[in-house]
Amino acid sequence: MEWVILISAGAMEAVWALALAESNGLKKWKPSLIFGVASVLSLVGLAVAMRAIPTGTAYAVWTGIGAALTVLWSILSGKEKATTAKLLLLLGLVACIVGLKLVH
């Protein structure tokens, strides 16, 4: 169950990062509200998951999921260009996240 919570918390990290980008420096209220709620959910999920998952592994997986989903969404929404190098690096990041889960 902790891994499901950790993965969800990582997804919330991507949500708050994307909302923060849309908030124009916290000047737009809707994305700012989404940022606030998602960041709290993300950190609470990380804290709960860390009850059973070692800190280093949990933090690496949390940030890796957040980073990968943020870049993927930026590519899919057309805000970032998909390059071969970027896609290969994303695959490597995902492989590292899966590897950390496998060795836990």
PDB file of N, CA and C in Angstrom:
ATOM      1  N   MET A   1       0.807  -1.198   0.000  1.00  0.00           N
ATOM      2  CA  MET A   1       0.000   0.000   0.000  1.00  0.00           C
ATOM      3  C   MET A   1       0.854   1.268   0.000  1.00  0.00           C
ATOM      4  N   GLU A   2       2.009   1.197   0.691  1.00  0.00           N
ATOM      5  CA  GLU A   2       2.886   2.368   0.756  1.00  0.00           C
ATOM      6  C   GLU A   2       3.402   2.769  -0.618  1.00  0.00           C
ATOM      7  N   TRP A   3       3.620   1.779  -1.479  1.00  0.00           N
ATOM      8  CA  TRP A   3       4.105   2.094  -2.821  1.00  0.00           C
ATOM      9  C   TRP A   3       3.031   2.800  -3.642  1.00  0.00           C
ATOM     10  N   VAL A   4       1.790   2.416  -3.473  1.00  0.00           N
ATOM     11  CA  VAL A   4       0.689   3.102  -4.168  1.00  0.00           C
ATOM     12  C   VAL A   4       0.613   4.548  -3.687  1.00  0.00           C
ATOM     13  N   ILE A   5       0.745   4.739  -2.396  1.00  0.00           N
ATOM     14  CA  ILE A   5       0.726   6.094  -1.835  1.00  0.00           C
ATOM     15  C   ILE A   5       1.906   6.895  -2.364  1.00  0.00           C
ATOM     16  N   LEU A   6       3.081   6.286  -2.411  1.00  0.00           N
ATOM     17  CA  LEU A   6       4.271   6.985  -2.898  1.00  0.00           C
ATOM     18  C   LEU A   6       4.128   7.370  -4.369  1.00  0.00           C
ATOM     19  N   ILE A   7       3.625   6.478  -5.181  1.00  0.00           N
ATOM     20  CA  ILE A   7       3.427   6.778  -6.604  1.00  0.00           C
ATOM     21  C   ILE A   7       2.404   7.903  -6.769  1.00  0.00           C
ATOM     22  N   SER A   8       1.342   7.856  -5.989  1.00  0.00           N
ATOM     23  CA  SER A   8       0.335   8.925  -6.033  1.00  0.00           C
ATOM     24  C   SER A   8       0.931  10.257  -5.593  1.00  0.00           C
ATOM     25  N   ALA A   9       1.763  10.213  -4.560  1.00  0.00           N
ATOM     26  CA  ALA A   9       2.416  11.432  -4.086  1.00  0.00           C
ATOM     27  C   ALA A   9       3.356  11.993  -5.158  1.00  0.00           C
ATOM     28  N   GLY A  10       4.040  11.105  -5.869  1.00  0.00           N
ATOM     29  CA  GLY A  10       4.902  11.551  -6.972  1.00  0.00           C
ATOM     30  C   GLY A  10       4.100  12.198  -8.088  1.00  0.00           C
ATOM     31  N   ALA A  11       2.928  11.634  -8.369  1.00  0.00           N
ATOM     32  CA  ALA A  11       2.051  12.237  -9.380  1.00  0.00           C
ATOM     33  C   ALA A  11       1.586  13.613  -8.921  1.00  0.00           C
ATOM     34  N   MET A  12       1.296  13.755  -7.631  1.00  0.00           N
ATOM     35  CA  MET A  12       0.894  15.065  -7.099  1.00  0.00           C
ATOM     36  C   MET A  12       2.036  16.073  -7.182  1.00  0.00           C
ATOM     37  N   GLU A  13       3.260  15.579  -7.117  1.00  0.00           N
ATOM     38  CA  GLU A  13       4.405  16.480  -7.294  1.00  0.00           C
ATOM     39  C   GLU A  13       4.387  17.080  -8.694  1.00  0.00           C
ATOM     40  N   ALA A  14       4.082  16.254  -9.680  1.00  0.00           N
ATOM     41  CA  ALA A  14       3.984  16.770 -11.050  1.00  0.00           C
ATOM     42  C   ALA A  14       2.839  17.770 -11.169  1.00  0.00           C
ATOM     43  N   VAL A  15       1.723  17.479 -10.513  1.00  0.00           N
ATOM     44  CA  VAL A  15       0.575  18.403 -10.553  1.00  0.00           C
ATOM     45  C   VAL A  15       0.956  19.755  -9.966  1.00  0.00           C
ATOM     46  N   TRP A  16       1.606  19.751  -8.791  1.00  0.00           N
ATOM     47  CA  TRP A  16       1.942  21.051  -8.211  1.00  0.00           C
ATOM     48  C   TRP A  16       2.996  21.797  -9.024  1.00  0.00           C
ATOM     49  N   ALA A  17       3.924  21.069  -9.619  1.00  0.00           N
ATOM     50  CA  ALA A  17       4.942  21.738 -10.438  1.00  0.00           C
ATOM     51  C   ALA A  17       4.312  22.392 -11.667  1.00  0.00           C
ATOM     52  N   LEU A  18       3.399  21.676 -12.307  1.00  0.00           N
ATOM     53  CA  LEU A  18       2.728  22.229 -13.489  1.00  0.00           C
ATOM     54  C   LEU A  18       1.801  23.379 -13.111  1.00  0.00           C
ATOM     55  N   ALA A  19       1.114  23.263 -11.981  1.00  0.00           N
ATOM     56  CA  ALA A  19       0.242  24.343 -11.523  1.00  0.00           C
ATOM     57  C   ALA A  19       1.059  25.578 -11.155  1.00  0.00           C
ATOM     58  N   LEU A  20       2.208  25.355 -10.543  1.00  0.00           N
ATOM     59  CA  LEU A  20       3.077  26.478 -10.195  1.00  0.00           C
ATOM     60  C   LEU A  20       3.521  27.229 -11.446  1.00  0.00           C
ATOM     61  N   ALA A  21       3.844  26.490 -12.489  1.00  0.00           N
ATOM     62  CA  ALA A  21       4.241  27.126 -13.749  1.00  0.00           C
ATOM     63  C   ALA A  21       3.100  27.951 -14.346  1.00  0.00           C
ATOM     64  N   GLU A  22       1.880  27.458 -14.196  1.00  0.00           N
ATOM     65  CA  GLU A  22       0.711  28.150 -14.744  1.00  0.00           C
ATOM     66  C   GLU A  22       0.251  29.317 -13.872  1.00  0.00           C
ATOM     67  N   SER A  23       0.730  29.393 -12.647  1.00  0.00           N
ATOM     68  CA  SER A  23       0.229  30.393 -11.706  1.00  0.00           C
ATOM     69  C   SER A  23       0.797  31.792 -11.916  1.00  0.00           C
ATOM     70  N   ASN A  24       1.782  31.909 -12.789  1.00  0.00           N
ATOM     71  CA  ASN A  24       2.424  33.205 -13.050  1.00  0.00           C
ATOM     72  C   ASN A  24       2.960  33.808 -11.745  1.00  0.00           C
ATOM     73  N   GLY A  25       3.777  33.027 -11.060  1.00  0.00           N
ATOM     74  CA  GLY A  25       4.357  33.504  -9.807  1.00  0.00           C
ATOM     75  C   GLY A  25       3.335  33.630  -8.693  1.00  0.00           C
ATOM     76  N   LEU A  26       2.377  32.706  -8.672  1.00  0.00           N
ATOM     77  CA  LEU A  26       1.286  32.662  -7.694  1.00  0.00           C
ATOM     78  C   LEU A  26       0.340  33.867  -7.811  1.00  0.00           C
ATOM     79  N   LYS A  27       0.262  34.440  -9.009  1.00  0.00           N
ATOM     80  CA  LYS A  27      -0.632  35.580  -9.230  1.00  0.00           C
ATOM     81  C   LYS A  27      -2.009  35.160  -9.726  1.00  0.00           C
ATOM     82  N   LYS A  28      -2.119  33.970 -10.330  1.00  0.00           N
ATOM     83  CA  LYS A  28      -3.415  33.457 -10.785  1.00  0.00           C
ATOM     84  C   LYS A  28      -3.951  32.538  -9.694  1.00  0.00           C
ATOM     85  N   TRP A  29      -5.171  32.787  -9.246  1.00  0.00           N
ATOM     86  CA  TRP A  29      -5.671  32.086  -8.066  1.00  0.00           C
ATOM     87  C   TRP A  29      -5.984  30.616  -8.293  1.00  0.00           C
ATOM     88  N   LYS A  30      -6.526  30.238  -9.451  1.00  0.00           N
ATOM     89  CA  LYS A  30      -6.882  28.824  -9.653  1.00  0.00           C
ATOM     90  C   LYS A  30      -5.642  27.921  -9.668  1.00  0.00           C
ATOM     91  N   PRO A  31      -4.646  28.232 -10.510  1.00  0.00           N
ATOM     92  CA  PRO A  31      -3.454  27.369 -10.461  1.00  0.00           C
ATOM     93  C   PRO A  31      -2.725  27.458  -9.123  1.00  0.00           C
ATOM     94  N   SER A  32      -2.800  28.605  -8.457  1.00  0.00           N
ATOM     95  CA  SER A  32      -2.167  28.739  -7.143  1.00  0.00           C
ATOM     96  C   SER A  32      -2.844  27.843  -6.115  1.00  0.00           C
ATOM     97  N   LEU A  33      -4.163  27.757  -6.175  1.00  0.00           N
ATOM     98  CA  LEU A  33      -4.908  26.878  -5.279  1.00  0.00           C
ATOM     99  C   LEU A  33      -4.575  25.414  -5.554  1.00  0.00           C
ATOM    100  N   ILE A  34      -4.525  25.057  -6.836  1.00  0.00           N
ATOM    101  CA  ILE A  34      -4.144  23.685  -7.209  1.00  0.00           C
ATOM    102  C   ILE A  34      -2.737  23.387  -6.717  1.00  0.00           C
ATOM    103  N   PHE A  35      -1.831  24.335  -6.877  1.00  0.00           N
ATOM    104  CA  PHE A  35      -0.463  24.180  -6.380  1.00  0.00           C
ATOM    105  C   PHE A  35      -0.458  23.891  -4.883  1.00  0.00           C
ATOM    106  N   GLY A  36      -1.195  24.682  -4.114  1.00  0.00           N
ATOM    107  CA  GLY A  36      -1.211  24.513  -2.666  1.00  0.00           C
ATOM    108  C   GLY A  36      -1.758  23.165  -2.237  1.00  0.00           C
ATOM    109  N   VAL A  37      -2.886  22.767  -2.806  1.00  0.00           N
ATOM    110  CA  VAL A  37      -3.507  21.500  -2.438  1.00  0.00           C
ATOM    111  C   VAL A  37      -2.623  20.325  -2.861  1.00  0.00           C
ATOM    112  N   ALA A  38      -2.128  20.368  -4.092  1.00  0.00           N
ATOM    113  CA  ALA A  38      -1.306  19.258  -4.602  1.00  0.00           C
ATOM    114  C   ALA A  38       0.011  19.145  -3.839  1.00  0.00           C
ATOM    115  N   SER A  39       0.600  20.269  -3.455  1.00  0.00           N
ATOM    116  CA  SER A  39       1.871  20.190  -2.727  1.00  0.00           C
ATOM    117  C   SER A  39       1.670  19.578  -1.340  1.00  0.00           C
ATOM    118  N   VAL A  40       0.581  19.926  -0.672  1.00  0.00           N
ATOM    119  CA  VAL A  40       0.302  19.329   0.637  1.00  0.00           C
ATOM    120  C   VAL A  40       0.049  17.830   0.484  1.00  0.00           C
ATOM    121  N   LEU A  41      -0.790  17.453  -0.487  1.00  0.00           N
ATOM    122  CA  LEU A  41      -1.066  16.031  -0.707  1.00  0.00           C
ATOM    123  C   LEU A  41       0.210  15.270  -1.047  1.00  0.00           C
ATOM    124  N   SER A  42       1.061  15.879  -1.854  1.00  0.00           N
ATOM    125  CA  SER A  42       2.310  15.240  -2.248  1.00  0.00           C
ATOM    126  C   SER A  42       3.217  14.994  -1.048  1.00  0.00           C
ATOM    127  N   LEU A  43       3.383  15.999  -0.223  1.00  0.00           N
ATOM    128  CA  LEU A  43       4.271  15.861   0.930  1.00  0.00           C
ATOM    129  C   LEU A  43       3.697  14.933   1.994  1.00  0.00           C
ATOM    130  N   VAL A  44       2.398  14.978   2.207  1.00  0.00           N
ATOM    131  CA  VAL A  44       1.781  14.063   3.165  1.00  0.00           C
ATOM    132  C   VAL A  44       1.917  12.622   2.668  1.00  0.00           C
ATOM    133  N   GLY A  45       1.684  12.408   1.371  1.00  0.00           N
ATOM    134  CA  GLY A  45       1.856  11.067   0.807  1.00  0.00           C
ATOM    135  C   GLY A  45       3.277  10.563   0.958  1.00  0.00           C
ATOM    136  N   LEU A  46       4.249  11.433   0.719  1.00  0.00           N
ATOM    137  CA  LEU A  46       5.653  11.048   0.902  1.00  0.00           C
ATOM    138  C   LEU A  46       5.912  10.678   2.356  1.00  0.00           C
ATOM    139  N   ALA A  47       5.408  11.481   3.271  1.00  0.00           N
ATOM    140  CA  ALA A  47       5.624  11.209   4.696  1.00  0.00           C
ATOM    141  C   ALA A  47       5.009   9.875   5.107  1.00  0.00           C
ATOM    142  N   VAL A  48       3.809   9.594   4.640  1.00  0.00           N
ATOM    143  CA  VAL A  48       3.152   8.333   4.979  1.00  0.00           C
ATOM    144  C   VAL A  48       3.924   7.154   4.385  1.00  0.00           C
ATOM    145  N   ALA A  49       4.343   7.281   3.146  1.00  0.00           N
ATOM    146  CA  ALA A  49       5.081   6.195   2.491  1.00  0.00           C
ATOM    147  C   ALA A  49       6.409   5.923   3.193  1.00  0.00           C
ATOM    148  N   MET A  50       7.013   6.976   3.739  1.00  0.00           N
ATOM    149  CA  MET A  50       8.312   6.817   4.400  1.00  0.00           C
ATOM    150  C   MET A  50       8.215   6.076   5.728  1.00  0.00           C
ATOM    151  N   ARG A  51       7.023   5.762   6.180  1.00  0.00           N
ATOM    152  CA  ARG A  51       6.884   4.918   7.369  1.00  0.00           C
ATOM    153  C   ARG A  51       7.385   3.504   7.089  1.00  0.00           C
ATOM    154  N   ALA A  52       7.262   3.080   5.821  1.00  0.00           N
ATOM    155  CA  ALA A  52       7.630   1.705   5.468  1.00  0.00           C
ATOM    156  C   ALA A  52       8.729   1.614   4.410  1.00  0.00           C
ATOM    157  N   ILE A  53       8.979   2.700   3.700  1.00  0.00           N
ATOM    158  CA  ILE A  53       9.988   2.696   2.641  1.00  0.00           C
ATOM    159  C   ILE A  53      11.149   3.568   3.111  1.00  0.00           C
ATOM    160  N   PRO A  54      12.388   3.104   2.968  1.00  0.00           N
ATOM    161  CA  PRO A  54      13.532   3.905   3.412  1.00  0.00           C
ATOM    162  C   PRO A  54      13.550   5.290   2.760  1.00  0.00           C
ATOM    163  N   THR A  55      14.030   6.256   3.518  1.00  0.00           N
ATOM    164  CA  THR A  55      14.005   7.655   3.092  1.00  0.00           C
ATOM    165  C   THR A  55      14.647   7.872   1.722  1.00  0.00           C
ATOM    166  N   GLY A  56      15.829   7.359   1.517  1.00  0.00           N
ATOM    167  CA  GLY A  56      16.525   7.573   0.246  1.00  0.00           C
ATOM    168  C   GLY A  56      15.760   7.019  -0.934  1.00  0.00           C
ATOM    169  N   THR A  57      15.254   5.822  -0.788  1.00  0.00           N
ATOM    170  CA  THR A  57      14.478   5.194  -1.862  1.00  0.00           C
ATOM    171  C   THR A  57      13.186   5.954  -2.093  1.00  0.00           C
ATOM    172  N   ALA A  58      12.475   6.268  -1.017  1.00  0.00           N
ATOM    173  CA  ALA A  58      11.194   6.976  -1.158  1.00  0.00           C
ATOM    174  C   ALA A  58      11.383   8.331  -1.823  1.00  0.00           C
ATOM    175  N   TYR A  59      12.378   9.072  -1.374  1.00  0.00           N
ATOM    176  CA  TYR A  59      12.606  10.405  -1.933  1.00  0.00           C
ATOM    177  C   TYR A  59      13.010  10.335  -3.406  1.00  0.00           C
ATOM    178  N   ALA A  60      13.888   9.405  -3.741  1.00  0.00           N
ATOM    179  CA  ALA A  60      14.323   9.264  -5.132  1.00  0.00           C
ATOM    180  C   ALA A  60      13.159   8.879  -6.040  1.00  0.00           C
ATOM    181  N   VAL A  61      12.329   7.962  -5.593  1.00  0.00           N
ATOM    182  CA  VAL A  61      11.176   7.538  -6.392  1.00  0.00           C
ATOM    183  C   VAL A  61      10.183   8.690  -6.515  1.00  0.00           C
ATOM    184  N   TRP A  62       9.914   9.390  -5.433  1.00  0.00           N
ATOM    185  CA  TRP A  62       8.973  10.517  -5.412  1.00  0.00           C
ATOM    186  C   TRP A  62       9.410  11.609  -6.388  1.00  0.00           C
ATOM    187  N   THR A  63      10.670  12.020  -6.290  1.00  0.00           N
ATOM    188  CA  THR A  63      11.141  13.076  -7.192  1.00  0.00           C
ATOM    189  C   THR A  63      11.241  12.577  -8.629  1.00  0.00           C
ATOM    190  N   GLY A  64      11.639  11.324  -8.803  1.00  0.00           N
ATOM    191  CA  GLY A  64      11.744  10.773 -10.157  1.00  0.00           C
ATOM    192  C   GLY A  64      10.406  10.702 -10.859  1.00  0.00           C
ATOM    193  N   ILE A  65       9.378  10.243 -10.142  1.00  0.00           N
ATOM    194  CA  ILE A  65       8.037  10.183 -10.726  1.00  0.00           C
ATOM    195  C   ILE A  65       7.558  11.584 -11.051  1.00  0.00           C
ATOM    196  N   GLY A  66       7.738  12.502 -10.117  1.00  0.00           N
ATOM    197  CA  GLY A  66       7.316  13.886 -10.361  1.00  0.00           C
ATOM    198  C   GLY A  66       8.023  14.503 -11.555  1.00  0.00           C
ATOM    199  N   ALA A  67       9.319  14.297 -11.635  1.00  0.00           N
ATOM    200  CA  ALA A  67      10.088  14.861 -12.746  1.00  0.00           C
ATOM    201  C   ALA A  67       9.687  14.236 -14.083  1.00  0.00           C
ATOM    202  N   ALA A  68       9.577  12.926 -14.105  1.00  0.00           N
ATOM    203  CA  ALA A  68       9.229  12.238 -15.352  1.00  0.00           C
ATOM    204  C   ALA A  68       7.846  12.657 -15.843  1.00  0.00           C
ATOM    205  N   LEU A  69       6.874  12.702 -14.944  1.00  0.00           N
ATOM    206  CA  LEU A  69       5.521  13.083 -15.352  1.00  0.00           C
ATOM    207  C   LEU A  69       5.442  14.548 -15.772  1.00  0.00           C
ATOM    208  N   THR A  70       6.209  15.400 -15.107  1.00  0.00           N
ATOM    209  CA  THR A  70       6.221  16.817 -15.476  1.00  0.00           C
ATOM    210  C   THR A  70       6.767  17.007 -16.883  1.00  0.00           C
ATOM    211  N   VAL A  71       7.879  16.355 -17.179  1.00  0.00           N
ATOM    212  CA  VAL A  71       8.464  16.466 -18.523  1.00  0.00           C
ATOM    213  C   VAL A  71       7.541  15.834 -19.564  1.00  0.00           C
ATOM    214  N   LEU A  72       6.997  14.667 -19.248  1.00  0.00           N
ATOM    215  CA  LEU A  72       6.093  13.990 -20.186  1.00  0.00           C
ATOM    216  C   LEU A  72       4.880  14.858 -20.503  1.00  0.00           C
ATOM    217  N   TRP A  73       4.265  15.450 -19.482  1.00  0.00           N
ATOM    218  CA  TRP A  73       3.107  16.313 -19.712  1.00  0.00           C
ATOM    219  C   TRP A  73       3.505  17.538 -20.538  1.00  0.00           C
ATOM    220  N   SER A  74       4.667  18.092 -20.261  1.00  0.00           N
ATOM    221  CA  SER A  74       5.128  19.253 -21.014  1.00  0.00           C
ATOM    222  C   SER A  74       5.341  18.917 -22.484  1.00  0.00           C
ATOM    223  N   ILE A  75       5.814  17.716 -22.744  1.00  0.00           N
ATOM    224  CA  ILE A  75       5.989  17.270 -24.128  1.00  0.00           C
ATOM    225  C   ILE A  75       4.632  17.049 -24.787  1.00  0.00           C
ATOM    226  N   LEU A  76       3.739  16.338 -24.100  1.00  0.00           N
ATOM    227  CA  LEU A  76       2.432  16.030 -24.669  1.00  0.00           C
ATOM    228  C   LEU A  76       1.581  17.277 -24.890  1.00  0.00           C
ATOM    229  N   SER A  77       1.761  18.281 -24.058  1.00  0.00           N
ATOM    230  CA  SER A  77       0.986  19.518 -24.203  1.00  0.00           C
ATOM    231  C   SER A  77       1.629  20.494 -25.185  1.00  0.00           C
ATOM    232  N   GLY A  78       2.791  20.141 -25.712  1.00  0.00           N
ATOM    233  CA  GLY A  78       3.455  20.978 -26.708  1.00  0.00           C
ATOM    234  C   GLY A  78       4.291  22.105 -26.135  1.00  0.00           C
ATOM    235  N   LYS A  79       4.505  22.134 -24.835  1.00  0.00           N
ATOM    236  CA  LYS A  79       5.293  23.201 -24.219  1.00  0.00           C
ATOM    237  C   LYS A  79       6.786  22.913 -24.254  1.00  0.00           C
ATOM    238  N   GLU A  80       7.121  21.646 -24.450  1.00  0.00           N
ATOM    239  CA  GLU A  80       8.517  21.244 -24.618  1.00  0.00           C
ATOM    240  C   GLU A  80       8.621  20.376 -25.853  1.00  0.00           C
ATOM    241  N   LYS A  81       9.753  20.473 -26.497  1.00  0.00           N
ATOM    242  CA  LYS A  81       9.993  19.665 -27.686  1.00  0.00           C
ATOM    243  C   LYS A  81      10.487  18.276 -27.272  1.00  0.00           C
ATOM    244  N   ALA A  82       9.933  17.263 -27.920  1.00  0.00           N
ATOM    245  CA  ALA A  82      10.383  15.889 -27.675  1.00  0.00           C
ATOM    246  C   ALA A  82      11.589  15.610 -28.560  1.00  0.00           C
ATOM    247  N   THR A  83      12.724  15.398 -27.943  1.00  0.00           N
ATOM    248  CA  THR A  83      13.921  15.038 -28.694  1.00  0.00           C
ATOM    249  C   THR A  83      14.277  13.596 -28.354  1.00  0.00           C
ATOM    250  N   THR A  84      15.056  12.995 -29.193  1.00  0.00           N
ATOM    251  CA  THR A  84      15.488  11.623 -28.938  1.00  0.00           C
ATOM    252  C   THR A  84      16.237  11.539 -27.618  1.00  0.00           C
ATOM    253  N   ALA A  85      17.130  12.487 -27.392  1.00  0.00           N
ATOM    254  CA  ALA A  85      17.901  12.481 -26.152  1.00  0.00           C
ATOM    255  C   ALA A  85      16.986  12.610 -24.934  1.00  0.00           C
ATOM    256  N   LYS A  86      16.019  13.515 -24.997  1.00  0.00           N
ATOM    257  CA  LYS A  86      15.113  13.724 -23.869  1.00  0.00           C
ATOM    258  C   LYS A  86      14.292  12.468 -23.590  1.00  0.00           C
ATOM    259  N   LEU A  87      13.796  11.827 -24.630  1.00  0.00           N
ATOM    260  CA  LEU A  87      13.002  10.609 -24.455  1.00  0.00           C
ATOM    261  C   LEU A  87      13.843   9.466 -23.906  1.00  0.00           C
ATOM    262  N   LEU A  88      15.077   9.337 -24.372  1.00  0.00           N
ATOM    263  CA  LEU A  88      15.966   8.302 -23.845  1.00  0.00           C
ATOM    264  C   LEU A  88      16.300   8.548 -22.368  1.00  0.00           C
ATOM    265  N   LEU A  89      16.512   9.806 -22.013  1.00  0.00           N
ATOM    266  CA  LEU A  89      16.788  10.132 -20.617  1.00  0.00           C
ATOM    267  C   LEU A  89      15.568   9.866 -19.738  1.00  0.00           C
ATOM    268  N   LEU A  90      14.375  10.145 -20.237  1.00  0.00           N
ATOM    269  CA  LEU A  90      13.153   9.819 -19.494  1.00  0.00           C
ATOM    270  C   LEU A  90      13.024   8.320 -19.277  1.00  0.00           C
ATOM    271  N   LEU A  91      13.323   7.549 -20.315  1.00  0.00           N
ATOM    272  CA  LEU A  91      13.291   6.090 -20.165  1.00  0.00           C
ATOM    273  C   LEU A  91      14.298   5.620 -19.119  1.00  0.00           C
ATOM    274  N   GLY A  92      15.469   6.235 -19.118  1.00  0.00           N
ATOM    275  CA  GLY A  92      16.477   5.904 -18.114  1.00  0.00           C
ATOM    276  C   GLY A  92      16.006   6.245 -16.715  1.00  0.00           C
ATOM    277  N   LEU A  93      15.335   7.383 -16.573  1.00  0.00           N
ATOM    278  CA  LEU A  93      14.798   7.784 -15.277  1.00  0.00           C
ATOM    279  C   LEU A  93      13.744   6.791 -14.791  1.00  0.00           C
ATOM    280  N   VAL A  94      12.857   6.412 -15.678  1.00  0.00           N
ATOM    281  CA  VAL A  94      11.824   5.434 -15.328  1.00  0.00           C
ATOM    282  C   VAL A  94      12.465   4.092 -14.963  1.00  0.00           C
ATOM    283  N   ALA A  95      13.493   3.697 -15.703  1.00  0.00           N
ATOM    284  CA  ALA A  95      14.189   2.447 -15.399  1.00  0.00           C
ATOM    285  C   ALA A  95      14.819   2.504 -14.014  1.00  0.00           C
ATOM    286  N   CYS A  96      15.360   3.644 -13.637  1.00  0.00           N
ATOM    287  CA  CYS A  96      15.945   3.792 -12.305  1.00  0.00           C
ATOM    288  C   CYS A  96      14.879   3.719 -11.221  1.00  0.00           C
ATOM    289  N   ILE A  97      13.724   4.319 -11.457  1.00  0.00           N
ATOM    290  CA  ILE A  97      12.620   4.259 -10.488  1.00  0.00           C
ATOM    291  C   ILE A  97      12.179   2.814 -10.297  1.00  0.00           C
ATOM    292  N   VAL A  98      11.989   2.106 -11.390  1.00  0.00           N
ATOM    293  CA  VAL A  98      11.579   0.691 -11.319  1.00  0.00           C
ATOM    294  C   VAL A  98      12.670  -0.125 -10.623  1.00  0.00           C
ATOM    295  N   GLY A  99      13.923   0.173 -10.927  1.00  0.00           N
ATOM    296  CA  GLY A  99      15.033  -0.527 -10.284  1.00  0.00           C
ATOM    297  C   GLY A  99      15.042  -0.334  -8.775  1.00  0.00           C
ATOM    298  N   LEU A 100      14.782   0.878  -8.339  1.00  0.00           N
ATOM    299  CA  LEU A 100      14.740   1.115  -6.899  1.00  0.00           C
ATOM    300  C   LEU A 100      13.618   0.315  -6.234  1.00  0.00           C
ATOM    301  N   LYS A 101      12.495   0.199  -6.909  1.00  0.00           N
ATOM    302  CA  LYS A 101      11.397  -0.597  -6.373  1.00  0.00           C
ATOM    303  C   LYS A 101      11.806  -2.073  -6.307  1.00  0.00           C
ATOM    304  N   LEU A 102      12.469  -2.543  -7.324  1.00  0.00           N
ATOM    305  CA  LEU A 102      12.850  -3.957  -7.381  1.00  0.00           C
ATOM    306  C   LEU A 102      13.872  -4.335  -6.323  1.00  0.00           C
ATOM    307  N   VAL A 103      14.759  -3.443  -5.976  1.00  0.00           N
ATOM    308  CA  VAL A 103      15.797  -3.776  -4.992  1.00  0.00           C
ATOM    309  C   VAL A 103      15.380  -3.458  -3.564  1.00  0.00           C
ATOM    310  N   HIS A 104      14.212  -2.864  -3.389  1.00  0.00           N
ATOM    311  CA  HIS A 104      13.733  -2.521  -2.040  1.00  0.00           C
ATOM    312  C   HIS A 104      13.405  -3.737  -1.273  1.00  0.00           C
TER     313      HIS A 104
END
